[in-house]
């Protein structure tokens, strides 16, 4: 019971840095409302991929749709999904540690991973966040499979297949765990000529995969979205990679981020330990160790391969230290008293993560405290709170302009500004490109030409752009888009960083 309460508390503390904390009125630094728009649009009859363009898998659409359905006027349903996701991740991380250590020792990796996670979440509601519980469960099941002498428990293999399918349909580059451990299991079965077991495991795994894959593919097919879904979530991602910036610089920055939270140090200590004690590990542990090393290497490659320095891309790296930490902590003497262990661990983590813990406190403070006492001056944290409140007030003013100049049934377009204004103004996007991907449209005419066709042939009542876009040098697709605005729309608002243009057919 005590571990359960501790994990709930840890989950709640971690969730306090999320944009979707139901008790917070502050505007998040990282605006993940782009994905929230998925759920809002689907609730209003839009179909993923055909009506909503994005290069993520269909599961992120479904999670946000469920979140919108669960939401009320005073509570954010997406927060519930995020809380369950984080809680499940911590539970199976704890259970993996328990395969080697006591309850108290097994809780140490949770604290270390939670500290790192708060910085990689970047506001939450992200594909990487939702993948964590399925990675953690599968890692636990794979490890238990080897430690239990390859005992086949049917429902666990099926759940591993379901987990793989969900993560693949979140974002296909996050399936490193299954690729590595399944390969190790395949080689082990073939080497030992255990073909019957291999076929049984393979059948159960594929059955689990089909439980998720078949219904979703059927839904997409019945809504004429399967072709678009394959293009956007798979093929387009290769285009997305090709348009990335300087990869070497990005890899260096992302590696530095991992080092700053001591993930590299932990893994280096783990490698040193296994090099020193390799002969003392039994055969099952050796398989687990080899798989865990390959899992970390492949996860790092898939995390940095885009060449983009988004912190949340590194979230799948967090589970890669679960096994190294469990095996490292197994060196703690078993006879040490719990009080002494708590004191030592608290001191070590406090000294090691001193800067990070202070940053976490400040993140929680500025995300959840909305009142500022200006009588005694404004400190840095209070200034951030005020900036967030002012930013939200400005966005609400822009949203009011949209609502006052359009009807609830009118559709609008907001150019490269995520999904926040759609949600605040309660308006749908007139085109599937509600938020254009981060690519140069002139270098990708397939998307660029389709965007121009959509916007010029849609019945868009209002267009909102960043005010700086007016003075920005424009060529190709962007110039064509801007000329279309000037020809067919009238400027009705230019403030708070936004320029709003109303369709001339409405503005009469």
Protein backbone atom coordinates (compact mmCIF):
# COMPACT_ATOMS: atom_id res chain seq x y z
CA UNK A 1 0.00 0.00 0.00
CA UNK A 2 2.83 2.40 0.87
CA UNK A 3 4.54 2.08 -2.55
CA UNK A 4 1.19 2.76 -4.25
CA UNK A 5 0.66 5.95 -2.23
CA UNK A 6 4.24 7.06 -2.91
CA UNK A 7 3.81 6.53 -6.67
CA UNK A 8 0.52 8.45 -6.69
CA UNK A 9 2.23 11.33 -4.87
CA UNK A 10 5.21 11.27 -7.24
CA UNK A 11 2.86 11.25 -10.24
CA UNK A 12 0.93 14.22 -8.87
CA UNK A 13 4.11 16.23 -8.24
CA UNK A 14 5.39 15.44 -11.75
CA UNK A 15 2.05 16.40 -13.27
CA UNK A 16 2.15 19.82 -11.62
CA UNK A 17 4.49 21.02 -14.38
CA UNK A 18 1.99 20.07 -17.10
CA UNK A 19 -0.02 22.64 -19.03
CA UNK A 20 -3.14 20.60 -18.43
CA UNK A 21 -3.05 20.63 -14.64
CA UNK A 22 -6.77 21.02 -13.88
CA UNK A 23 -6.09 23.41 -11.00
CA UNK A 24 -3.97 25.80 -13.06
CA UNK A 25 -5.05 28.90 -14.94
CA UNK A 26 -1.55 29.78 -16.12
CA UNK A 27 -0.72 29.51 -19.80
CA UNK A 28 1.93 26.92 -20.48
CA UNK A 29 5.24 27.80 -22.05
CA UNK A 30 4.89 24.86 -24.39
CA UNK A 31 1.58 25.09 -26.22
CA UNK A 32 0.56 21.51 -26.96
CA UNK A 33 -2.96 22.62 -27.88
CA UNK A 34 -2.08 21.54 -31.41
CA UNK A 35 -2.95 18.00 -30.32
CA UNK A 36 -5.89 19.15 -28.22
CA UNK A 37 -7.32 20.55 -31.45
CA UNK A 38 -7.39 16.98 -32.80
CA UNK A 39 -9.94 16.00 -30.17
CA UNK A 40 -11.93 19.21 -30.55
CA UNK A 41 -12.14 18.81 -34.34
CA UNK A 42 -13.06 15.12 -34.14
CA UNK A 43 -15.81 15.87 -31.63
CA UNK A 44 -17.18 18.31 -34.21
CA UNK A 45 -17.20 15.75 -37.02
CA UNK A 46 -13.76 16.10 -38.59
CA UNK A 47 -11.89 12.96 -39.68
CA UNK A 48 -8.24 12.42 -38.84
CA UNK A 49 -5.83 12.89 -41.77
CA UNK A 50 -8.46 13.83 -44.38
CA UNK A 51 -9.71 16.85 -42.40
CA UNK A 52 -6.79 17.21 -39.97
CA UNK A 53 -3.24 17.04 -41.34
CA UNK A 54 -0.46 15.82 -39.05
CA UNK A 55 2.51 13.48 -39.24
CA UNK A 56 1.78 11.74 -35.90
CA UNK A 57 0.06 8.37 -35.65
CA UNK A 58 -3.69 7.93 -35.09
CA UNK A 59 -3.42 7.09 -31.36
CA UNK A 60 -2.62 10.71 -30.42
CA UNK A 61 -5.84 11.73 -32.21
CA UNK A 62 -7.81 9.12 -30.24
CA UNK A 63 -6.32 10.06 -26.85
CA UNK A 64 -7.15 13.72 -27.38
CA UNK A 65 -10.63 12.87 -28.60
CA UNK A 66 -11.23 10.83 -25.45
CA UNK A 67 -9.80 13.69 -23.40
CA UNK A 68 -12.22 16.17 -24.96
CA UNK A 69 -15.15 13.81 -24.32
CA UNK A 70 -14.16 13.54 -20.65
CA UNK A 71 -13.64 17.28 -20.19
CA UNK A 72 -16.07 19.50 -18.33
CA UNK A 73 -16.28 23.25 -17.83
CA UNK A 74 -14.10 22.96 -14.72
CA UNK A 75 -11.88 19.99 -15.46
CA UNK A 76 -9.51 18.98 -18.24
CA UNK A 77 -10.08 15.41 -19.41
CA UNK A 78 -6.69 15.27 -21.11
CA UNK A 79 -5.09 15.75 -17.69
CA UNK A 80 -6.76 12.50 -16.54
CA UNK A 81 -5.21 10.61 -19.46
CA UNK A 82 -1.81 12.16 -18.78
CA UNK A 83 -1.99 11.36 -15.06
CA UNK A 84 -2.90 7.72 -15.77
CA UNK A 85 -0.10 7.56 -18.34
CA UNK A 86 2.55 8.87 -15.91
CA UNK A 87 1.24 6.75 -13.03
CA UNK A 88 1.37 3.56 -15.13
CA UNK A 89 4.89 4.40 -16.28
CA UNK A 90 6.06 4.78 -12.68
CA UNK A 91 4.29 1.58 -11.57
CA UNK A 92 6.02 -0.65 -14.12
CA UNK A 93 9.35 1.11 -13.67
CA UNK A 94 9.00 0.27 -9.97
CA UNK A 95 8.01 -3.35 -10.74
CA UNK A 96 11.05 -3.74 -13.01
CA UNK A 97 13.32 -2.55 -10.21
CA UNK A 98 11.61 -4.99 -7.84
CA UNK A 99 12.93 -7.88 -9.93
CA UNK A 100 16.34 -7.05 -8.38
CA UNK A 101 15.79 -4.86 -5.34
CA UNK A 102 13.63 -4.08 -2.31
CA UNK A 103 10.67 -1.66 -2.35
CA UNK A 104 12.73 1.25 -1.05
CA UNK A 105 15.65 0.71 -3.42
CA UNK A 106 13.25 0.17 -6.35
CA UNK A 107 11.74 3.61 -5.71
CA UNK A 108 15.07 5.39 -6.28
CA UNK A 109 14.97 5.09 -10.12
CA UNK A 110 11.47 6.60 -10.08
CA UNK A 111 12.75 9.75 -8.40
CA UNK A 112 15.67 10.09 -10.82
CA UNK A 113 13.48 9.47 -13.87
CA UNK A 114 10.74 11.80 -12.59
CA UNK A 115 13.24 14.65 -12.17
CA UNK A 116 14.40 14.19 -15.76
CA UNK A 117 10.87 13.72 -17.05
CA UNK A 118 9.67 17.10 -15.75
CA UNK A 119 12.11 18.82 -18.08
CA UNK A 120 11.42 16.63 -21.10
CA UNK A 121 7.61 16.86 -20.85
CA UNK A 122 7.57 20.41 -22.26
CA UNK A 123 3.91 20.96 -21.37
CA UNK A 124 2.76 17.40 -21.92
CA UNK A 125 0.08 15.86 -24.14
CA UNK A 126 2.78 14.52 -26.44
CA UNK A 127 3.24 11.23 -28.26
CA UNK A 128 6.44 10.51 -26.32
CA UNK A 129 4.64 10.95 -23.00
CA UNK A 130 1.85 8.54 -23.95
CA UNK A 131 4.38 5.96 -25.15
CA UNK A 132 6.10 5.77 -21.75
CA UNK A 133 3.65 3.44 -19.93
CA UNK A 134 3.62 0.97 -22.83
CA UNK A 135 7.41 0.98 -23.03
CA UNK A 136 7.65 0.50 -19.24
CA UNK A 137 5.14 -2.38 -19.24
CA UNK A 138 6.81 -4.17 -22.14
CA UNK A 139 10.27 -3.70 -20.62
CA UNK A 140 9.04 -5.24 -17.36
CA UNK A 141 7.42 -8.17 -19.20
CA UNK A 142 10.47 -8.82 -21.39
CA UNK A 143 12.79 -8.82 -18.37
CA UNK A 144 10.46 -11.09 -16.39
CA UNK A 145 10.26 -13.42 -19.41
CA UNK A 146 14.04 -13.96 -19.28
CA UNK A 147 14.31 -14.08 -15.49
CA UNK A 148 11.52 -16.70 -15.34
CA UNK A 149 13.40 -19.00 -17.71
CA UNK A 150 11.32 -17.95 -20.73
CA UNK A 151 8.03 -18.99 -19.18
CA UNK A 152 5.26 -18.06 -21.60
CA UNK A 153 2.33 -16.23 -19.99
CA UNK A 154 -0.15 -15.75 -22.82
CA UNK A 155 -1.84 -12.55 -21.69
CA UNK A 156 1.52 -10.86 -21.09
CA UNK A 157 2.70 -11.61 -24.64
CA UNK A 158 -0.61 -10.34 -26.00
CA UNK A 159 -0.26 -7.13 -23.96
CA UNK A 160 3.29 -6.69 -25.28
CA UNK A 161 1.84 -6.87 -28.80
CA UNK A 162 -0.89 -4.37 -27.91
CA UNK A 163 1.74 -2.04 -26.40
CA UNK A 164 3.89 -2.29 -29.53
CA UNK A 165 0.93 -1.49 -31.75
CA UNK A 166 -0.09 1.54 -29.68
CA UNK A 167 3.44 2.99 -29.61
CA UNK A 168 3.92 2.33 -33.33
CA UNK A 169 0.63 4.16 -33.99
CA UNK A 170 1.75 7.04 -31.78
CA UNK A 171 5.05 7.53 -33.56
CA UNK A 172 6.79 4.73 -35.40
CA UNK A 173 10.34 5.70 -34.40
CA UNK A 174 9.70 4.84 -30.71
CA UNK A 175 9.56 1.04 -31.06
CA UNK A 176 13.25 0.40 -30.35
CA UNK A 177 12.46 -1.69 -27.26
CA UNK A 178 10.39 -4.25 -29.19
CA UNK A 179 12.81 -4.41 -32.12
CA UNK A 180 15.73 -5.22 -29.82
CA UNK A 181 14.12 -7.56 -27.30
CA UNK A 182 12.12 -9.45 -29.94
CA UNK A 183 15.33 -9.92 -31.93
CA UNK A 184 17.15 -11.25 -28.85
CA UNK A 185 14.25 -13.63 -28.10
CA UNK A 186 14.14 -14.77 -31.75
CA UNK A 187 17.87 -15.52 -31.80
CA UNK A 188 17.66 -17.32 -28.45
CA UNK A 189 14.77 -19.55 -29.55
CA UNK A 190 16.44 -20.41 -32.87
CA UNK A 191 19.81 -21.07 -31.22
CA UNK A 192 18.15 -23.48 -28.78
CA UNK A 193 15.87 -24.95 -31.49
CA UNK A 194 12.74 -24.05 -29.52
CA UNK A 195 10.61 -23.60 -32.62
CA UNK A 196 7.26 -24.51 -31.02
CA UNK A 197 7.75 -21.89 -28.31
CA UNK A 198 8.83 -19.39 -30.95
CA UNK A 199 5.68 -19.93 -33.01
CA UNK A 200 3.49 -19.66 -29.92
CA UNK A 201 5.11 -16.40 -28.78
CA UNK A 202 4.99 -14.99 -32.31
CA UNK A 203 1.30 -15.89 -32.68
CA UNK A 204 0.36 -14.31 -29.33
CA UNK A 205 2.38 -11.18 -30.11
CA UNK A 206 0.81 -10.73 -33.56
CA UNK A 207 -2.63 -11.33 -32.07
CA UNK A 208 -1.98 -8.49 -29.62
CA UNK A 209 -0.79 -6.24 -32.46
CA UNK A 210 -3.92 -6.99 -34.49
CA UNK A 211 -6.25 -6.09 -31.59
CA UNK A 212 -5.23 -2.44 -32.03
CA UNK A 213 -4.10 -2.31 -35.65
CA UNK A 214 -7.12 -3.89 -37.36
CA UNK A 215 -9.85 -1.69 -35.81
CA UNK A 216 -7.90 1.52 -36.44
CA UNK A 217 -7.04 0.60 -40.02
CA UNK A 218 -10.69 -0.38 -40.56
CA UNK A 219 -11.84 2.99 -39.21
CA UNK A 220 -9.45 4.83 -41.50
CA UNK A 221 -10.45 2.72 -44.50
CA UNK A 222 -14.18 3.24 -43.91
CA UNK A 223 -13.60 6.99 -43.71
CA UNK A 224 -11.37 7.07 -46.83
CA UNK A 225 -8.45 8.15 -44.64
CA UNK A 226 -6.18 5.08 -44.80
CA UNK A 227 -4.11 6.34 -47.74
CA UNK A 228 -3.75 9.80 -46.19
CA UNK A 229 -2.92 8.23 -42.83
CA UNK A 230 -0.11 6.11 -44.28
CA UNK A 231 1.30 9.10 -46.16
CA UNK A 232 1.15 11.56 -43.26
CA UNK A 233 2.22 9.32 -40.37
CA UNK A 234 4.86 7.28 -42.22
CA UNK A 235 5.96 8.60 -45.62
CA UNK A 236 5.79 12.28 -44.70
CA UNK A 237 8.08 11.68 -41.71
CA UNK A 238 10.91 10.88 -44.11
CA UNK A 239 10.25 14.22 -45.82
CA UNK A 240 10.25 15.82 -42.37
CA UNK A 241 13.67 14.29 -41.69
CA UNK A 242 15.06 15.46 -45.03
CA UNK A 243 14.10 19.07 -44.26
CA UNK A 244 15.79 19.08 -40.85
CA UNK A 245 18.49 21.58 -40.02
CA UNK A 246 22.12 20.86 -39.16
CA UNK A 247 22.01 17.36 -37.71
CA UNK A 248 25.47 17.38 -36.13
CA UNK A 249 24.69 20.46 -34.07
CA UNK A 250 21.33 19.00 -33.05
CA UNK A 251 22.91 15.71 -31.97
CA UNK A 252 25.46 17.61 -29.88
CA UNK A 253 22.73 19.68 -28.18
CA UNK A 254 20.56 16.64 -27.45
CA UNK A 255 23.52 14.69 -26.09
CA UNK A 256 24.29 17.64 -23.79
CA UNK A 257 20.70 17.54 -22.51
CA UNK A 258 21.06 13.87 -21.62
CA UNK A 259 24.37 14.62 -19.88
CA UNK A 260 22.86 17.50 -17.91
CA UNK A 261 20.39 15.10 -16.29
CA UNK A 262 23.08 12.47 -15.68
CA UNK A 263 21.59 9.83 -17.98
CA UNK A 264 24.93 9.47 -19.76
CA UNK A 265 26.75 9.18 -16.43
CA UNK A 266 24.32 6.49 -15.22
CA UNK A 267 24.75 4.47 -18.39
CA UNK A 268 28.54 4.85 -18.27
CA UNK A 269 28.58 3.55 -14.69
CA UNK A 270 26.43 0.63 -15.79
CA UNK A 271 28.84 -0.24 -18.62
CA UNK A 272 31.77 -0.09 -16.21
CA UNK A 273 29.94 -2.39 -13.79
CA UNK A 274 29.11 -5.05 -16.36
CA UNK A 275 32.64 -4.96 -17.77
CA UNK A 276 33.98 -5.61 -14.27
CA UNK A 277 31.40 -8.24 -13.23
CA UNK A 278 30.38 -9.85 -16.53
CA UNK A 279 31.33 -13.38 -15.49
CA UNK A 280 29.22 -13.11 -12.31
CA UNK A 281 25.97 -12.56 -14.19
CA UNK A 282 23.90 -15.63 -15.10
CA UNK A 283 22.90 -16.36 -18.72
CA UNK A 284 19.45 -14.74 -18.44
CA UNK A 285 20.93 -11.55 -16.98
CA UNK A 286 23.52 -11.43 -19.76
CA UNK A 287 20.75 -11.52 -22.38
CA UNK A 288 18.91 -8.76 -20.53
CA UNK A 289 22.07 -6.64 -20.30
CA UNK A 290 22.92 -7.02 -23.99
CA UNK A 291 19.36 -6.16 -24.96
CA UNK A 292 19.31 -3.14 -22.65
CA UNK A 293 22.52 -1.76 -24.16
CA UNK A 294 21.23 -2.18 -27.71
CA UNK A 295 17.88 -0.69 -26.65
CA UNK A 296 19.64 2.44 -25.36
CA UNK A 297 21.78 2.82 -28.49
CA UNK A 298 18.87 2.43 -30.90
CA UNK A 299 16.64 4.70 -28.80
CA UNK A 300 19.29 7.41 -28.86
CA UNK A 301 19.61 7.16 -32.63
CA UNK A 302 15.84 7.34 -33.21
CA UNK A 303 15.55 10.24 -30.73
CA UNK A 304 18.11 12.44 -32.49
CA UNK A 305 17.65 11.30 -36.10
CA UNK A 306 15.27 14.16 -36.92
CA UNK A 307 18.01 16.73 -36.34
CA UNK A 308 15.62 18.88 -34.30
CA UNK A 309 16.48 19.93 -30.76
CA UNK A 310 13.12 19.36 -29.08
CA UNK A 311 13.56 18.14 -25.51
CA UNK A 312 10.48 15.93 -25.66
CA UNK A 313 12.15 13.85 -28.39
CA UNK A 314 14.42 12.54 -25.61
CA UNK A 315 11.59 11.19 -23.45
CA UNK A 316 11.96 7.63 -24.83
CA UNK A 317 15.53 7.70 -23.50
CA UNK A 318 14.30 7.80 -19.90
CA UNK A 319 13.20 4.11 -19.77
CA UNK A 320 16.63 3.10 -21.12
CA UNK A 321 18.17 3.75 -17.68
CA UNK A 322 15.57 1.69 -15.78
CA UNK A 323 17.51 -1.57 -16.10
CA UNK A 324 20.96 0.01 -15.61
CA UNK A 325 19.74 1.68 -12.40
CA UNK A 326 18.14 -1.53 -11.13
CA UNK A 327 21.33 -3.52 -11.71
CA UNK A 328 23.58 -0.77 -10.31
CA UNK A 329 21.44 -0.38 -7.18
CA UNK A 330 21.54 -4.12 -6.63
CA UNK A 331 25.07 -3.48 -5.31
CA UNK A 332 23.65 -1.70 -2.24
CA UNK A 333 24.27 -3.89 0.84
CA UNK A 334 21.09 -5.75 1.77
CA UNK A 335 21.62 -5.31 5.51
CA UNK A 336 21.74 -1.50 5.50
CA UNK A 337 18.97 0.04 7.60
CA UNK A 338 16.13 1.79 5.77
CA UNK A 339 16.61 5.02 7.74
CA UNK A 340 20.28 5.15 6.82
CA UNK A 341 19.47 4.33 3.19
CA UNK A 342 16.82 7.08 2.99
CA UNK A 343 19.28 9.61 4.42
CA UNK A 344 22.08 8.64 2.07
CA UNK A 345 19.82 8.56 -1.02
CA UNK A 346 18.22 11.90 -0.12
CA UNK A 347 21.64 13.50 0.34
CA UNK A 348 23.05 12.09 -2.92
CA UNK A 349 20.01 13.02 -5.03
CA UNK A 350 19.74 16.42 -3.33
CA UNK A 351 23.38 17.27 -4.08
CA UNK A 352 23.43 15.75 -7.57
CA UNK A 353 20.15 17.24 -8.76
CA UNK A 354 20.28 20.44 -6.70
CA UNK A 355 19.90 22.78 -9.69
CA UNK A 356 17.23 20.62 -11.33
CA UNK A 357 15.17 20.44 -8.12
CA UNK A 358 15.21 24.21 -7.80
CA UNK A 359 14.10 24.50 -11.43
CA UNK A 360 11.29 22.01 -10.81
CA UNK A 361 10.05 24.06 -7.85
CA UNK A 362 10.04 27.20 -10.00
CA UNK A 363 8.24 25.39 -12.84
CA UNK A 364 5.54 24.18 -10.46
CA UNK A 365 5.28 27.64 -8.89
CA UNK A 366 4.83 29.60 -12.11
CA UNK A 367 2.48 27.00 -13.58
CA UNK A 368 0.13 26.79 -10.62
CA UNK A 369 0.31 30.15 -8.80
CA UNK A 370 -1.80 32.77 -10.55
CA UNK A 371 -1.96 35.57 -7.97
CA UNK A 372 0.97 37.98 -7.63
CA UNK A 373 1.56 40.40 -4.77
CA UNK A 374 3.04 43.48 -6.45
CA UNK A 375 3.27 45.56 -3.25
CA UNK A 376 6.67 44.12 -2.34
CA UNK A 377 8.07 44.24 -5.86
CA UNK A 378 8.17 41.65 -8.65
CA UNK A 379 10.69 38.84 -8.61
CA UNK A 380 11.64 36.67 -11.58
CA UNK A 381 9.04 33.97 -10.90
CA UNK A 382 6.28 36.52 -10.43
CA UNK A 383 7.28 38.22 -13.68
CA UNK A 384 6.89 34.92 -15.53
CA UNK A 385 3.44 34.50 -13.96
CA UNK A 386 2.46 38.01 -15.06
CA UNK A 387 3.82 37.37 -18.56
CA UNK A 388 1.76 34.18 -18.77
CA UNK A 389 -1.36 35.99 -17.58
CA UNK A 390 -0.80 38.85 -20.02
CA UNK A 391 -0.19 36.41 -22.85
CA UNK A 392 -3.40 34.58 -22.02
CA UNK A 393 -5.33 37.87 -21.74
CA UNK A 394 -4.00 38.96 -25.14
CA UNK A 395 -4.99 35.64 -26.72
CA UNK A 396 -8.47 35.89 -25.18
CA UNK A 397 -8.82 39.36 -26.70
CA UNK A 398 -7.82 38.01 -30.12
CA UNK A 399 -10.26 35.12 -29.68
CA UNK A 400 -13.04 37.60 -28.85
CA UNK A 401 -12.32 39.47 -32.08
CA UNK A 402 -12.72 36.20 -33.99
CA UNK A 403 -15.96 35.31 -32.19
CA UNK A 404 -17.43 38.79 -32.63
CA UNK A 405 -16.79 38.81 -36.38
CA UNK A 406 -17.82 35.25 -37.26
CA UNK A 407 -20.67 32.86 -36.58
CA UNK A 408 -20.25 29.62 -34.65
CA UNK A 409 -20.68 27.70 -37.92
CA UNK A 410 -17.99 29.72 -39.72
CA UNK A 411 -14.58 28.17 -40.23
CA UNK A 412 -11.30 30.09 -39.95
CA UNK A 413 -7.60 29.63 -40.59
CA UNK A 414 -4.74 30.51 -38.21
CA UNK A 415 -1.36 30.51 -39.97
CA UNK A 416 1.45 28.60 -38.19
CA UNK A 417 0.20 29.38 -34.66
CA UNK A 418 -0.67 25.92 -33.28
CA UNK A 419 -4.26 25.22 -32.25
CA UNK A 420 -4.82 27.56 -29.34
CA UNK A 421 -6.89 30.23 -31.12
CA UNK A 422 -9.21 27.63 -32.62
CA UNK A 423 -9.94 26.31 -29.13
CA UNK A 424 -10.33 29.73 -27.50
CA UNK A 425 -12.61 31.04 -30.24
CA UNK A 426 -14.55 27.77 -30.58
CA UNK A 427 -14.00 27.72 -34.32
CA UNK A 428 -12.85 24.93 -36.65
CA UNK A 429 -10.17 25.21 -39.28
CA UNK A 430 -11.45 25.61 -42.82
CA UNK A 431 -8.65 23.41 -44.21
CA UNK A 432 -6.88 20.27 -43.05
CA UNK A 433 -3.64 22.24 -42.62
CA UNK A 434 -4.88 23.86 -39.40
CA UNK A 435 -1.22 24.03 -38.36
CA UNK A 436 1.36 23.65 -41.10
CA UNK A 437 4.27 21.28 -40.39
CA UNK A 438 7.66 22.83 -39.65
CA UNK A 439 8.95 22.61 -43.23
CA UNK A 440 9.83 25.03 -45.99
CA UNK A 441 6.75 24.92 -48.25
CA UNK A 442 8.81 26.01 -51.24
CA UNK A 443 11.09 22.99 -50.84
CA UNK A 444 8.14 20.64 -50.54
CA UNK A 445 5.74 21.56 -53.36
CA UNK A 446 3.58 18.50 -52.63
CA UNK A 447 2.47 20.07 -49.35
CA UNK A 448 2.88 23.68 -50.47
CA UNK A 449 0.73 23.40 -53.60
CA UNK A 450 -1.92 21.39 -51.75
CA UNK A 451 -2.03 24.05 -48.99
CA UNK A 452 -2.52 26.85 -51.54
CA UNK A 453 -5.22 24.89 -53.32
CA UNK A 454 -7.03 24.20 -50.04
CA UNK A 455 -6.94 27.76 -48.73
CA UNK A 456 -7.95 29.35 -52.04
CA UNK A 457 -10.83 26.92 -52.62
CA UNK A 458 -12.21 26.86 -49.08
CA UNK A 459 -14.90 29.04 -47.59
CA UNK A 460 -12.62 30.62 -44.98
CA UNK A 461 -14.41 33.34 -43.06
CA UNK A 462 -11.36 34.76 -41.31
CA UNK A 463 -7.58 34.41 -41.42
CA UNK A 464 -5.26 35.18 -38.49
CA UNK A 465 -1.52 35.56 -39.00
CA UNK A 466 1.42 36.63 -36.90
CA UNK A 467 1.80 40.41 -37.25
CA UNK A 468 5.44 39.99 -38.23
CA UNK A 469 4.33 38.02 -41.28
CA UNK A 470 3.20 41.29 -42.90
CA UNK A 471 6.73 42.70 -43.01
CA UNK A 472 8.52 39.39 -43.51
CA UNK A 473 10.20 38.76 -46.86
CA UNK A 474 8.01 36.27 -48.71
CA UNK A 475 8.67 34.17 -51.79
CA UNK A 476 6.93 31.32 -53.54
CA UNK A 477 4.10 29.70 -51.61
CA UNK A 478 4.09 32.23 -48.76
CA UNK A 479 3.95 35.17 -51.20
CA UNK A 480 1.09 33.54 -53.09
CA UNK A 481 -0.74 32.97 -49.80
CA UNK A 482 -0.21 36.59 -48.68
CA UNK A 483 -1.39 38.01 -52.01
CA UNK A 484 -4.52 35.89 -51.70
CA UNK A 485 -5.19 37.41 -48.26
CA UNK A 486 -4.75 40.99 -49.52
CA UNK A 487 -7.00 40.33 -52.50
CA UNK A 488 -9.88 38.56 -50.73
CA UNK A 489 -9.75 39.82 -47.13
CA UNK A 490 -9.87 43.09 -45.19
CA UNK A 491 -7.63 43.82 -42.20
CA UNK A 492 -9.89 44.30 -39.14
CA UNK A 493 -7.45 43.88 -36.24
CA UNK A 494 -3.72 44.37 -35.75
CA UNK A 495 -2.60 44.07 -32.13
CA UNK A 496 -1.15 41.67 -29.54
CA UNK A 497 1.06 40.09 -32.17
CA UNK A 498 -1.81 39.13 -34.48
CA UNK A 499 -3.20 40.52 -37.71
CA UNK A 500 -6.76 39.38 -38.44
CA UNK A 501 -8.29 39.52 -41.89
CA UNK A 502 -12.02 39.10 -42.54
CA UNK A 503 -13.40 37.73 -45.80
CA UNK A 504 -14.64 40.63 -47.94
CA UNK A 505 -17.85 38.77 -48.68
CA UNK A 506 -18.62 38.95 -44.92
CA UNK A 507 -17.21 42.39 -44.26
CA UNK A 508 -19.83 44.34 -46.21
